[in-house]
């Protein structure tokens, strides 16, 4: 695989694994029902936000999620998981140093 293709594959694999990990909140019993999403990032040519919280706020403003109240719930090599109210967003750092949302859920 060429480096750009390998990077796209890794990002897609990470987004998929995060989505699988976070969408299990309503998987057993009478727990909450969750909706989730994952984005395939074909290109990261810039345009991300300066911080993980700014990326979450920008995404939330356009997609009906809480605009404020985003706080770090978890950090890992694959990015940052942020929470606000009943919503979670996974944010990853792009090659240019900016941040973008790649997956999330609402329970």
N, C-alpha and C. Protein backbone atom coordinates (compact mmCIF):
# COMPACT_ATOMS: atom_id res chain seq x y z
N UNK A 1 0.83 -1.16 0.00
CA UNK A 1 0.00 0.00 0.00
C UNK A 1 0.89 1.24 0.00
N UNK A 2 0.51 2.26 -0.73
CA UNK A 2 1.26 3.51 -0.72
C UNK A 2 0.99 4.23 0.59
N UNK A 3 1.90 5.10 1.03
CA UNK A 3 1.69 5.79 2.31
C UNK A 3 0.34 6.50 2.42
N UNK A 4 -0.13 7.29 1.42
CA UNK A 4 -1.45 7.91 1.57
C UNK A 4 -2.56 6.88 1.70
N UNK A 5 -2.49 5.80 0.92
CA UNK A 5 -3.52 4.76 1.01
C UNK A 5 -3.46 4.08 2.36
N UNK A 6 -2.26 3.84 2.86
CA UNK A 6 -2.11 3.21 4.18
C UNK A 6 -2.68 4.12 5.26
N UNK A 7 -2.43 5.43 5.16
CA UNK A 7 -2.97 6.38 6.13
C UNK A 7 -4.49 6.38 6.11
N UNK A 8 -5.08 6.36 4.92
CA UNK A 8 -6.55 6.32 4.82
C UNK A 8 -7.08 5.05 5.45
N UNK A 9 -6.41 3.92 5.20
CA UNK A 9 -6.85 2.64 5.76
C UNK A 9 -6.79 2.67 7.28
N UNK A 10 -5.70 3.20 7.83
CA UNK A 10 -5.55 3.27 9.28
C UNK A 10 -6.63 4.15 9.88
N UNK A 11 -6.89 5.31 9.28
CA UNK A 11 -7.92 6.21 9.80
C UNK A 11 -9.29 5.54 9.76
N UNK A 12 -9.60 4.85 8.67
CA UNK A 12 -10.89 4.17 8.56
C UNK A 12 -10.98 3.06 9.59
N UNK A 13 -9.90 2.30 9.77
CA UNK A 13 -9.91 1.22 10.76
C UNK A 13 -10.09 1.77 12.17
N UNK A 14 -9.41 2.87 12.48
CA UNK A 14 -9.55 3.48 13.80
C UNK A 14 -10.96 4.00 14.01
N UNK A 15 -11.51 4.67 13.01
CA UNK A 15 -12.87 5.18 13.12
C UNK A 15 -13.85 4.05 13.33
N UNK A 16 -13.68 2.95 12.62
CA UNK A 16 -14.57 1.81 12.76
C UNK A 16 -14.46 1.19 14.14
N UNK A 17 -13.23 1.06 14.65
CA UNK A 17 -13.07 0.45 15.97
C UNK A 17 -13.64 1.34 17.05
N UNK A 18 -13.50 2.66 16.91
CA UNK A 18 -14.08 3.57 17.89
C UNK A 18 -15.60 3.49 17.84
N UNK A 19 -16.15 3.45 16.64
CA UNK A 19 -17.60 3.36 16.51
C UNK A 19 -18.11 2.08 17.16
N UNK A 20 -17.45 0.97 16.92
CA UNK A 20 -17.86 -0.29 17.53
C UNK A 20 -17.75 -0.22 19.04
N UNK A 21 -16.73 0.44 19.54
CA UNK A 21 -16.54 0.54 20.98
C UNK A 21 -17.59 1.43 21.63
N UNK A 22 -17.96 2.53 20.97
CA UNK A 22 -18.87 3.47 21.60
C UNK A 22 -20.34 3.19 21.34
N UNK A 23 -20.68 2.41 20.34
CA UNK A 23 -22.09 2.15 20.06
C UNK A 23 -22.65 1.03 20.90
N UNK A 24 -21.86 0.42 21.75
CA UNK A 24 -22.35 -0.67 22.57
C UNK A 24 -23.10 -0.21 23.81
N UNK A 25 -23.33 1.08 24.00
CA UNK A 25 -23.93 1.54 25.25
C UNK A 25 -25.34 1.03 25.43
N UNK A 26 -26.09 0.74 24.38
CA UNK A 26 -27.44 0.25 24.52
C UNK A 26 -27.58 -1.19 24.10
N UNK A 27 -26.50 -1.94 24.14
CA UNK A 27 -26.49 -3.28 23.57
C UNK A 27 -27.11 -4.34 24.47
N UNK A 28 -27.24 -4.07 25.78
CA UNK A 28 -27.78 -5.09 26.66
C UNK A 28 -28.93 -4.53 27.48
N UNK A 29 -29.83 -5.41 27.86
CA UNK A 29 -30.92 -5.05 28.75
C UNK A 29 -31.78 -3.92 28.22
N UNK A 30 -32.32 -3.16 29.17
CA UNK A 30 -33.21 -2.06 28.82
C UNK A 30 -32.48 -0.73 28.84
N UNK A 31 -31.19 -0.74 28.60
CA UNK A 31 -30.38 0.47 28.62
C UNK A 31 -30.79 1.44 27.53
N UNK A 32 -30.11 2.57 27.48
CA UNK A 32 -30.44 3.59 26.49
C UNK A 32 -30.20 3.11 25.06
N UNK A 33 -30.94 3.69 24.16
CA UNK A 33 -30.76 3.40 22.74
C UNK A 33 -29.78 4.43 22.17
N UNK A 34 -28.81 3.97 21.39
CA UNK A 34 -27.79 4.87 20.86
C UNK A 34 -27.84 4.92 19.35
N UNK A 35 -27.49 6.06 18.81
CA UNK A 35 -27.26 6.19 17.39
C UNK A 35 -25.81 6.60 17.22
N UNK A 36 -25.14 6.08 16.21
CA UNK A 36 -23.74 6.40 16.01
C UNK A 36 -23.42 6.62 14.55
N UNK A 37 -22.21 7.09 14.29
CA UNK A 37 -21.76 7.32 12.93
C UNK A 37 -20.25 7.19 12.88
N UNK A 38 -19.73 6.96 11.70
CA UNK A 38 -18.29 6.98 11.45
C UNK A 38 -18.08 7.62 10.10
N UNK A 39 -17.07 8.44 9.99
CA UNK A 39 -16.76 9.12 8.73
C UNK A 39 -15.53 8.50 8.11
N UNK A 40 -15.54 8.34 6.80
CA UNK A 40 -14.36 7.89 6.07
C UNK A 40 -13.62 9.14 5.62
N UNK A 41 -12.44 9.35 6.16
CA UNK A 41 -11.66 10.54 5.83
C UNK A 41 -10.75 10.25 4.66
N UNK A 42 -11.25 10.51 3.48
CA UNK A 42 -10.50 10.23 2.26
C UNK A 42 -9.28 11.14 2.15
N UNK A 43 -9.42 12.37 2.58
CA UNK A 43 -8.33 13.32 2.45
C UNK A 43 -8.29 14.21 3.67
N UNK A 44 -7.11 14.49 4.18
CA UNK A 44 -6.99 15.44 5.28
C UNK A 44 -6.08 16.59 4.84
N UNK A 45 -6.61 17.38 3.94
CA UNK A 45 -5.82 18.46 3.35
C UNK A 45 -5.92 19.75 4.15
N UNK A 46 -6.30 19.67 5.38
CA UNK A 46 -6.39 20.87 6.20
C UNK A 46 -7.83 21.25 6.47
N UNK A 47 -7.99 22.35 7.14
CA UNK A 47 -9.32 22.82 7.42
C UNK A 47 -9.88 22.33 8.74
N UNK A 48 -9.07 21.62 9.53
CA UNK A 48 -9.52 21.16 10.84
C UNK A 48 -9.49 22.30 11.84
N UNK A 49 -9.86 21.99 13.08
CA UNK A 49 -9.90 22.99 14.14
C UNK A 49 -8.58 22.98 14.93
N UNK A 50 -8.34 24.05 15.66
CA UNK A 50 -7.09 24.19 16.41
C UNK A 50 -7.00 23.25 17.61
N UNK A 51 -8.14 22.86 18.19
CA UNK A 51 -8.14 21.99 19.37
C UNK A 51 -9.22 20.93 19.21
N UNK A 52 -9.15 19.85 19.99
CA UNK A 52 -10.21 18.84 19.94
C UNK A 52 -11.59 19.42 20.29
N UNK A 53 -11.65 20.26 21.31
CA UNK A 53 -12.93 20.85 21.71
C UNK A 53 -13.48 21.75 20.60
N UNK A 54 -12.62 22.52 19.96
CA UNK A 54 -13.08 23.38 18.85
C UNK A 54 -13.61 22.53 17.70
N UNK A 55 -12.99 21.38 17.43
CA UNK A 55 -13.48 20.48 16.38
C UNK A 55 -14.86 19.95 16.75
N UNK A 56 -15.04 19.56 18.02
CA UNK A 56 -16.34 19.06 18.47
C UNK A 56 -17.40 20.14 18.37
N UNK A 57 -17.08 21.35 18.78
CA UNK A 57 -18.03 22.45 18.71
C UNK A 57 -18.43 22.77 17.27
N UNK A 58 -17.47 22.77 16.36
CA UNK A 58 -17.77 23.05 14.95
C UNK A 58 -18.66 21.96 14.37
N UNK A 59 -18.36 20.70 14.66
CA UNK A 59 -19.17 19.59 14.16
C UNK A 59 -20.57 19.65 14.77
N UNK A 60 -20.64 19.87 16.08
CA UNK A 60 -21.91 19.89 16.79
C UNK A 60 -22.83 20.98 16.27
N UNK A 61 -22.28 22.15 15.98
CA UNK A 61 -23.08 23.27 15.51
C UNK A 61 -23.81 22.96 14.21
N UNK A 62 -23.25 22.09 13.39
CA UNK A 62 -23.84 21.76 12.09
C UNK A 62 -24.67 20.49 12.12
N UNK A 63 -24.66 19.76 13.25
CA UNK A 63 -25.28 18.44 13.26
C UNK A 63 -26.23 18.19 14.43
N UNK A 64 -26.75 19.23 15.03
CA UNK A 64 -27.77 19.08 16.05
C UNK A 64 -27.31 18.51 17.38
N UNK A 65 -26.04 18.63 17.68
CA UNK A 65 -25.51 18.18 18.97
C UNK A 65 -25.25 19.41 19.84
N UNK A 66 -25.06 19.21 21.15
CA UNK A 66 -24.78 20.36 22.01
C UNK A 66 -23.53 21.10 21.54
N UNK A 67 -23.63 22.42 21.41
CA UNK A 67 -22.47 23.18 20.95
C UNK A 67 -21.46 23.39 22.07
N UNK A 68 -21.94 23.50 23.30
CA UNK A 68 -21.06 23.76 24.44
C UNK A 68 -21.05 22.57 25.40
N UNK A 69 -20.12 22.61 26.34
CA UNK A 69 -20.05 21.58 27.37
C UNK A 69 -19.16 20.40 27.03
N UNK A 70 -18.42 20.46 25.94
CA UNK A 70 -17.56 19.34 25.54
C UNK A 70 -16.36 19.25 26.46
N UNK A 71 -16.14 18.04 26.99
CA UNK A 71 -15.01 17.79 27.89
C UNK A 71 -14.35 16.47 27.51
N UNK A 72 -13.05 16.38 27.74
CA UNK A 72 -12.31 15.17 27.42
C UNK A 72 -12.73 14.04 28.35
N UNK A 73 -13.13 12.91 27.75
CA UNK A 73 -13.48 11.72 28.51
C UNK A 73 -12.35 10.71 28.48
N UNK A 74 -11.60 10.71 27.38
CA UNK A 74 -10.53 9.72 27.21
C UNK A 74 -9.58 10.20 26.12
N UNK A 75 -8.30 9.91 26.29
CA UNK A 75 -7.32 10.16 25.23
C UNK A 75 -6.58 8.87 24.93
N UNK A 76 -6.19 8.71 23.67
CA UNK A 76 -5.44 7.53 23.25
C UNK A 76 -4.58 7.89 22.05
N UNK A 77 -3.83 6.92 21.56
CA UNK A 77 -3.03 7.15 20.37
C UNK A 77 -3.89 7.45 19.16
N UNK A 78 -5.15 7.01 19.18
CA UNK A 78 -6.03 7.21 18.03
C UNK A 78 -6.78 8.53 18.08
N UNK A 79 -6.68 9.28 19.17
CA UNK A 79 -7.35 10.56 19.25
C UNK A 79 -7.90 10.86 20.62
N UNK A 80 -8.96 11.67 20.64
CA UNK A 80 -9.57 12.12 21.89
C UNK A 80 -11.06 11.85 21.83
N UNK A 81 -11.61 11.29 22.91
CA UNK A 81 -13.05 11.09 23.03
C UNK A 81 -13.59 12.20 23.92
N UNK A 82 -14.55 12.96 23.38
CA UNK A 82 -15.14 14.08 24.11
C UNK A 82 -16.60 13.76 24.41
N UNK A 83 -17.11 14.27 25.55
CA UNK A 83 -18.51 14.07 25.93
C UNK A 83 -19.16 15.41 26.24
N UNK A 84 -20.44 15.52 25.87
CA UNK A 84 -21.30 16.63 26.27
C UNK A 84 -22.72 16.09 26.33
N UNK A 85 -23.37 16.25 27.46
CA UNK A 85 -24.72 15.72 27.67
C UNK A 85 -24.73 14.24 27.31
N UNK A 86 -25.62 13.85 26.38
CA UNK A 86 -25.74 12.43 26.00
C UNK A 86 -24.97 12.11 24.72
N UNK A 87 -24.07 12.99 24.33
CA UNK A 87 -23.33 12.82 23.07
C UNK A 87 -21.85 12.58 23.32
N UNK A 88 -21.25 11.81 22.41
CA UNK A 88 -19.81 11.56 22.43
C UNK A 88 -19.28 11.76 21.02
N UNK A 89 -18.13 12.39 20.91
CA UNK A 89 -17.46 12.56 19.62
C UNK A 89 -16.01 12.12 19.75
N UNK A 90 -15.54 11.38 18.75
CA UNK A 90 -14.12 11.02 18.69
C UNK A 90 -13.45 11.98 17.71
N UNK A 91 -12.36 12.57 18.15
CA UNK A 91 -11.65 13.57 17.36
C UNK A 91 -10.22 13.08 17.14
N UNK A 92 -9.73 13.23 15.92
CA UNK A 92 -8.35 12.82 15.65
C UNK A 92 -7.55 13.97 15.08
N UNK A 93 -6.24 13.87 15.28
CA UNK A 93 -5.33 14.92 14.83
C UNK A 93 -4.88 14.62 13.40
N UNK A 94 -5.02 15.61 12.53
CA UNK A 94 -4.62 15.48 11.14
C UNK A 94 -3.13 15.78 10.98
N UNK A 95 -2.61 15.46 9.81
CA UNK A 95 -1.18 15.67 9.55
C UNK A 95 -0.76 17.12 9.69
N UNK A 96 -1.68 18.05 9.41
CA UNK A 96 -1.32 19.47 9.50
C UNK A 96 -1.42 20.01 10.93
N UNK A 97 -1.71 19.12 11.91
CA UNK A 97 -1.78 19.54 13.30
C UNK A 97 -3.15 19.99 13.76
N UNK A 98 -4.12 20.04 12.85
CA UNK A 98 -5.48 20.41 13.24
C UNK A 98 -6.26 19.16 13.62
N UNK A 99 -7.46 19.37 14.15
CA UNK A 99 -8.29 18.28 14.66
C UNK A 99 -9.61 18.21 13.91
N UNK A 100 -10.15 16.98 13.75
CA UNK A 100 -11.44 16.79 13.09
C UNK A 100 -12.19 15.63 13.73
N UNK A 101 -13.52 15.69 13.69
CA UNK A 101 -14.36 14.61 14.20
C UNK A 101 -14.38 13.49 13.17
N UNK A 102 -14.20 12.24 13.64
CA UNK A 102 -14.27 11.11 12.72
C UNK A 102 -15.37 10.11 13.09
N UNK A 103 -15.91 10.20 14.29
CA UNK A 103 -17.01 9.31 14.67
C UNK A 103 -17.66 9.83 15.95
N UNK A 104 -18.81 9.25 16.27
CA UNK A 104 -19.48 9.66 17.49
C UNK A 104 -20.76 8.90 17.73
N UNK A 105 -21.45 9.28 18.79
CA UNK A 105 -22.72 8.64 19.12
C UNK A 105 -23.54 9.55 20.01
N UNK A 106 -24.82 9.24 20.06
CA UNK A 106 -25.74 9.93 20.96
C UNK A 106 -26.61 8.87 21.61
N UNK A 107 -26.66 8.87 22.94
CA UNK A 107 -27.47 7.89 23.68
C UNK A 107 -28.56 8.61 24.45
